[in-house]
Amino acid sequence: MDWLNREGCGNGFLSSAEGRPWNGDHSADLVCLSKQPDYLDSALMSMLAPSWHRIAERWKKPVDEEKGLGSEVWSYPLKHFVRLGNVFCVFASAAIPSLSIFGLFYVEDLLCRLAMITCFTLVFAAIVLLGFGCKRNDTFAATVAFAAVQVVFVEGVNSIKG
C-alpha cells in the first residue's frame, strides 16, 4: 500500500473515507469481481508460468514496455491456463476409463482385477477432487458410478471369457 502515498503513484489520493477499505483493518471487506480460477487452473499457472516466462521473456516484451514505460511486468492471461486445463480434462476423462477397460480385460486373475479397480478408482477420485475442484459429494457420486461401471465390466468380461 506504500505506492498509494508515493508521489507520482497514488500521491495519497485515498486519504479520506474512500481509503478506509484499503487499510489492514478492513481488507476482509474487499471482494474480487472477476472469475476466480479453479484448483487445476491455479496449479497449472503456479507450476508452468515461471518456466514459460524463462522461455517467453526472450521475445515477449513487458506490459509497460509495450506502452513505453520500460517496466519489468509481464502479463500471462489466465485464459491460456484455463485452456490448458481443459485439454488436460479431455485427455484425463478419456484416458482413465480407457486404461481401466484395457487393463481389466487383459488381466485374468480376479484378485488382480479387484486391486486394479481399487487403484483406478483412487486415481479417478483424486483427479476429480483435486484436479477438477469438484465438491466432495459430487466426487463421491462420480467415483461410486465409475467403480460400479468397472465392476459391471468385469462381470461381463467373466461371462464372455467363460
C-alpha atoms as a PDB file:
ATOM      1  CA  MET A   1       0.000   0.000   0.000  1.00  0.00           C
ATOM      2  CA  ASP A   2       3.071   2.189   0.110  1.00  0.00           C
ATOM      3  CA  TRP A   3       2.587   3.104  -3.554  1.00  0.00           C
ATOM      4  CA  LEU A   4      -0.669   4.901  -2.682  1.00  0.00           C
ATOM      5  CA  ASN A   5       1.264   7.513  -0.743  1.00  0.00           C
ATOM      6  CA  ARG A   6       4.242   7.885  -3.082  1.00  0.00           C
ATOM      7  CA  GLU A   7       4.449  10.950  -5.270  1.00  0.00           C
ATOM      8  CA  GLY A   8       3.876  10.060  -8.887  1.00  0.00           C
ATOM      9  CA  CYS A   9       1.883   6.951  -7.960  1.00  0.00           C
ATOM     10  CA  GLY A  10      -1.168   7.300  -5.741  1.00  0.00           C
ATOM     11  CA  ASN A  11       0.006  10.566  -4.191  1.00  0.00           C
ATOM     12  CA  GLY A  12      -2.220   9.970  -1.158  1.00  0.00           C
ATOM     13  CA  PHE A  13      -5.493  10.207  -3.087  1.00  0.00           C
ATOM     14  CA  LEU A  14      -7.144   7.652  -0.774  1.00  0.00           C
ATOM     15  CA  SER A  15      -6.637   9.546   2.450  1.00  0.00           C
ATOM     16  CA  SER A  16     -10.284  10.151   3.367  1.00  0.00           C
ATOM     17  CA  ALA A  17     -13.331   7.833   3.654  1.00  0.00           C
ATOM     18  CA  GLU A  18     -12.719   6.088   0.336  1.00  0.00           C
ATOM     19  CA  GLY A  19      -9.346   4.936   1.638  1.00  0.00           C
ATOM     20  CA  ARG A  20     -10.676   3.013   4.662  1.00  0.00           C
ATOM     21  CA  PRO A  21     -11.254  -0.301   2.839  1.00  0.00           C
ATOM     22  CA  TRP A  22      -7.583  -0.358   1.860  1.00  0.00           C
ATOM     23  CA  ASN A  23      -6.154  -0.295   5.369  1.00  0.00           C
ATOM     24  CA  GLY A  24      -5.422  -3.591   7.104  1.00  0.00           C
ATOM     25  CA  ASP A  25      -8.445  -3.455   9.415  1.00  0.00           C
ATOM     26  CA  HIS A  26     -10.954  -3.573   6.568  1.00  0.00           C
ATOM     27  CA  SER A  27      -9.189  -5.726   3.985  1.00  0.00           C
ATOM     28  CA  ALA A  28     -11.653  -8.597   4.612  1.00  0.00           C
ATOM     29  CA  ASP A  29     -14.398  -6.354   3.192  1.00  0.00           C
ATOM     30  CA  LEU A  30     -12.823  -6.328  -0.265  1.00  0.00           C
ATOM     31  CA  VAL A  31     -14.295  -8.580  -2.961  1.00  0.00           C
ATOM     32  CA  CYS A  32     -12.827  -9.635  -6.290  1.00  0.00           C
ATOM     33  CA  LEU A  33     -15.436  -9.422  -9.039  1.00  0.00           C
ATOM     34  CA  SER A  34     -13.504 -11.345 -11.659  1.00  0.00           C
ATOM     35  CA  LYS A  35     -13.832 -15.084 -12.222  1.00  0.00           C
ATOM     36  CA  GLN A  36     -11.585 -16.970  -9.844  1.00  0.00           C
ATOM     37  CA  PRO A  37      -9.588 -19.850 -11.317  1.00  0.00           C
ATOM     38  CA  ASP A  38     -10.309 -23.341 -10.086  1.00  0.00           C
ATOM     39  CA  TYR A  39      -7.680 -25.501  -8.433  1.00  0.00           C
ATOM     40  CA  LEU A  40      -6.389 -27.008 -11.684  1.00  0.00           C
ATOM     41  CA  ASP A  41      -6.007 -23.612 -13.366  1.00  0.00           C
ATOM     42  CA  SER A  42      -4.240 -22.202 -10.316  1.00  0.00           C
ATOM     43  CA  ALA A  43      -1.917 -25.197 -10.095  1.00  0.00           C
ATOM     44  CA  LEU A  44      -1.070 -25.038 -13.788  1.00  0.00           C
ATOM     45  CA  MET A  45      -0.437 -21.312 -13.538  1.00  0.00           C
ATOM     46  CA  SER A  46       1.817 -21.603 -10.495  1.00  0.00           C
ATOM     47  CA  MET A  47       3.764 -24.568 -11.916  1.00  0.00           C
ATOM     48  CA  LEU A  48       4.049 -23.559 -15.554  1.00  0.00           C
ATOM     49  CA  ALA A  49       4.138 -19.752 -15.555  1.00  0.00           C
ATOM     50  CA  PRO A  50       7.704 -19.456 -14.197  1.00  0.00           C
ATOM     51  CA  SER A  51       9.019 -21.988 -16.730  1.00  0.00           C
ATOM     52  CA  TRP A  52       7.075 -20.364 -19.550  1.00  0.00           C
ATOM     53  CA  HIS A  53       8.386 -16.956 -18.507  1.00  0.00           C
ATOM     54  CA  ARG A  54      12.011 -18.138 -18.807  1.00  0.00           C
ATOM     55  CA  ILE A  55      11.248 -19.185 -22.391  1.00  0.00           C
ATOM     56  CA  ALA A  56       8.917 -16.351 -23.412  1.00  0.00           C
ATOM     57  CA  GLU A  57      10.916 -13.444 -21.988  1.00  0.00           C
ATOM     58  CA  ARG A  58      13.289 -13.767 -24.941  1.00  0.00           C
ATOM     59  CA  TRP A  59      10.659 -12.468 -27.370  1.00  0.00           C
ATOM     60  CA  LYS A  60       7.728 -11.253 -25.258  1.00  0.00           C
ATOM     61  CA  LYS A  61       8.005  -7.663 -24.101  1.00  0.00           C
ATOM     62  CA  PRO A  62       6.948  -6.458 -20.645  1.00  0.00           C
ATOM     63  CA  VAL A  63       3.466  -4.942 -20.480  1.00  0.00           C
ATOM     64  CA  ASP A  64       4.647  -1.455 -19.574  1.00  0.00           C
ATOM     65  CA  GLU A  65       7.475  -1.543 -22.119  1.00  0.00           C
ATOM     66  CA  GLU A  66       4.868  -2.004 -24.840  1.00  0.00           C
ATOM     67  CA  LYS A  67       3.279   1.207 -23.581  1.00  0.00           C
ATOM     68  CA  GLY A  68       6.655   2.939 -23.447  1.00  0.00           C
ATOM     69  CA  LEU A  69       7.073   2.920 -19.652  1.00  0.00           C
ATOM     70  CA  GLY A  70      10.034   0.481 -19.539  1.00  0.00           C
ATOM     71  CA  SER A  71       8.968  -1.763 -16.654  1.00  0.00           C
ATOM     72  CA  GLU A  72       9.589  -5.398 -15.732  1.00  0.00           C
ATOM     73  CA  VAL A  73       5.937  -6.538 -15.661  1.00  0.00           C
ATOM     74  CA  TRP A  74       4.811  -9.389 -17.924  1.00  0.00           C
ATOM     75  CA  SER A  75       1.236 -10.494 -18.469  1.00  0.00           C
ATOM     76  CA  TYR A  76       0.184 -14.117 -18.848  1.00  0.00           C
ATOM     77  CA  PRO A  77      -3.623 -14.206 -19.158  1.00  0.00           C
ATOM     78  CA  LEU A  78      -5.480 -16.807 -17.121  1.00  0.00           C
ATOM     79  CA  LYS A  79      -7.464 -17.885 -20.198  1.00  0.00           C
ATOM     80  CA  HIS A  80      -4.388 -19.677 -21.583  1.00  0.00           C
ATOM     81  CA  PHE A  81      -4.048 -21.754 -18.420  1.00  0.00           C
ATOM     82  CA  VAL A  82      -7.802 -22.443 -18.445  1.00  0.00           C
ATOM     83  CA  ARG A  83      -7.471 -23.791 -21.987  1.00  0.00           C
ATOM     84  CA  LEU A  84      -4.567 -25.968 -20.932  1.00  0.00           C
ATOM     85  CA  GLY A  85      -6.646 -27.254 -18.012  1.00  0.00           C
ATOM     86  CA  ASN A  86      -9.493 -28.036 -20.408  1.00  0.00           C
ATOM     87  CA  VAL A  87      -7.130 -30.025 -22.633  1.00  0.00           C
ATOM     88  CA  PHE A  88      -5.900 -31.942 -19.578  1.00  0.00           C
ATOM     89  CA  CYS A  89      -9.522 -32.614 -18.594  1.00  0.00           C
ATOM     90  CA  VAL A  90     -10.367 -34.004 -22.040  1.00  0.00           C
ATOM     91  CA  PHE A  91      -7.382 -36.356 -22.045  1.00  0.00           C
ATOM     92  CA  ALA A  92      -7.884 -37.463 -18.434  1.00  0.00           C
ATOM     93  CA  SER A  93     -11.599 -38.102 -18.936  1.00  0.00           C
ATOM     94  CA  ALA A  94     -10.841 -40.265 -21.963  1.00  0.00           C
ATOM     95  CA  ALA A  95      -7.688 -41.972 -20.667  1.00  0.00           C
ATOM     96  CA  ILE A  96      -8.817 -43.149 -17.231  1.00  0.00           C
ATOM     97  CA  PRO A  97     -11.845 -45.183 -18.373  1.00  0.00           C
ATOM     98  CA  SER A  98      -9.973 -46.491 -21.429  1.00  0.00           C
ATOM     99  CA  LEU A  99      -6.933 -47.611 -19.435  1.00  0.00           C
ATOM    100  CA  SER A 100      -9.241 -49.186 -16.915  1.00  0.00           C
ATOM    101  CA  ILE A 101     -11.129 -51.137 -19.593  1.00  0.00           C
ATOM    102  CA  PHE A 102      -7.982 -52.385 -21.336  1.00  0.00           C
ATOM    103  CA  GLY A 103      -6.320 -53.323 -18.079  1.00  0.00           C
ATOM    104  CA  LEU A 104      -9.322 -55.161 -16.702  1.00  0.00           C
ATOM    105  CA  PHE A 105      -9.888 -57.014 -19.972  1.00  0.00           C
ATOM    106  CA  TYR A 106      -6.395 -58.486 -20.223  1.00  0.00           C
ATOM    107  CA  VAL A 107      -5.897 -59.454 -16.575  1.00  0.00           C
ATOM    108  CA  GLU A 108      -7.248 -62.924 -15.801  1.00  0.00           C
ATOM    109  CA  ASP A 109      -6.859 -63.133 -12.013  1.00  0.00           C
ATOM    110  CA  LEU A 110      -9.944 -61.839 -10.195  1.00  0.00           C
ATOM    111  CA  LEU A 111      -7.970 -60.593  -7.196  1.00  0.00           C
ATOM    112  CA  CYS A 112      -5.692 -58.574  -9.504  1.00  0.00           C
ATOM    113  CA  ARG A 113      -8.769 -57.139 -11.226  1.00  0.00           C
ATOM    114  CA  LEU A 114     -10.212 -56.040  -7.885  1.00  0.00           C
ATOM    115  CA  ALA A 115      -6.885 -54.429  -6.978  1.00  0.00           C
ATOM    116  CA  MET A 116      -6.871 -52.652 -10.347  1.00  0.00           C
ATOM    117  CA  ILE A 117     -10.432 -51.423  -9.787  1.00  0.00           C
ATOM    118  CA  THR A 118      -9.311 -50.010  -6.438  1.00  0.00           C
ATOM    119  CA  CYS A 119      -6.281 -48.284  -7.988  1.00  0.00           C
ATOM    120  CA  PHE A 120      -8.188 -46.845 -10.942  1.00  0.00           C
ATOM    121  CA  THR A 121     -10.958 -45.668  -8.614  1.00  0.00           C
ATOM    122  CA  LEU A 122      -8.447 -43.938  -6.344  1.00  0.00           C
ATOM    123  CA  VAL A 123      -6.780 -42.218  -9.300  1.00  0.00           C
ATOM    124  CA  PHE A 124     -10.172 -41.203 -10.673  1.00  0.00           C
ATOM    125  CA  ALA A 125     -11.313 -39.768  -7.333  1.00  0.00           C
ATOM    126  CA  ALA A 126      -8.049 -37.875  -6.834  1.00  0.00           C
ATOM    127  CA  ILE A 127      -8.201 -36.301 -10.278  1.00  0.00           C
ATOM    128  CA  VAL A 128     -11.866 -35.379  -9.942  1.00  0.00           C
ATOM    129  CA  LEU A 129     -11.467 -33.855  -6.481  1.00  0.00           C
ATOM    130  CA  LEU A 130      -8.006 -32.309  -6.674  1.00  0.00           C
ATOM    131  CA  GLY A 131      -7.611 -31.704 -10.373  1.00  0.00           C
ATOM    132  CA  PHE A 132     -11.055 -30.513 -11.315  1.00  0.00           C
ATOM    133  CA  GLY A 133     -12.066 -28.984  -7.996  1.00  0.00           C
ATOM    134  CA  CYS A 134     -15.383 -30.808  -7.679  1.00  0.00           C
ATOM    135  CA  LYS A 135     -17.241 -30.809  -4.395  1.00  0.00           C
ATOM    136  CA  ARG A 136     -16.779 -33.813  -2.138  1.00  0.00           C
ATOM    137  CA  ASN A 137     -20.322 -35.092  -2.607  1.00  0.00           C
ATOM    138  CA  ASP A 138     -20.003 -34.841  -6.411  1.00  0.00           C
ATOM    139  CA  THR A 139     -16.650 -36.608  -6.254  1.00  0.00           C
ATOM    140  CA  PHE A 140     -18.154 -39.367  -4.131  1.00  0.00           C
ATOM    141  CA  ALA A 141     -21.099 -39.869  -6.518  1.00  0.00           C
ATOM    142  CA  ALA A 142     -18.885 -39.885  -9.629  1.00  0.00           C
ATOM    143  CA  THR A 143     -16.401 -42.283  -8.016  1.00  0.00           C
ATOM    144  CA  VAL A 144     -19.129 -44.717  -6.971  1.00  0.00           C
ATOM    145  CA  ALA A 145     -20.563 -44.635 -10.500  1.00  0.00           C
ATOM    146  CA  PHE A 146     -17.110 -45.192 -12.009  1.00  0.00           C
ATOM    147  CA  ALA A 147     -16.429 -48.141  -9.689  1.00  0.00           C
ATOM    148  CA  ALA A 148     -19.848 -49.647 -10.460  1.00  0.00           C
ATOM    149  CA  VAL A 149     -19.204 -49.458 -14.202  1.00  0.00           C
ATOM    150  CA  GLN A 150     -15.862 -51.210 -13.716  1.00  0.00           C
ATOM    151  CA  VAL A 151     -17.472 -53.996 -11.667  1.00  0.00           C
ATOM    152  CA  VAL A 152     -20.174 -54.499 -14.311  1.00  0.00           C
ATOM    153  CA  PHE A 153     -17.467 -54.579 -16.969  1.00  0.00           C
ATOM    154  CA  VAL A 154     -15.529 -57.250 -15.053  1.00  0.00           C
ATOM    155  CA  GLU A 155     -18.681 -59.332 -14.692  1.00  0.00           C
ATOM    156  CA  GLY A 156     -19.360 -59.003 -18.410  1.00  0.00           C
ATOM    157  CA  VAL A 157     -15.789 -59.991 -19.299  1.00  0.00           C
ATOM    158  CA  ASN A 158     -16.028 -63.018 -16.996  1.00  0.00           C
ATOM    159  CA  SER A 159     -19.185 -64.207 -18.738  1.00  0.00           C
ATOM    160  CA  ILE A 160     -17.652 -63.708 -22.211  1.00  0.00           C
ATOM    161  CA  LYS A 161     -14.397 -65.477 -21.392  1.00  0.00           C
ATOM    162  CA  GLY A 162     -16.269 -68.222 -19.574  1.00  0.00           C
END
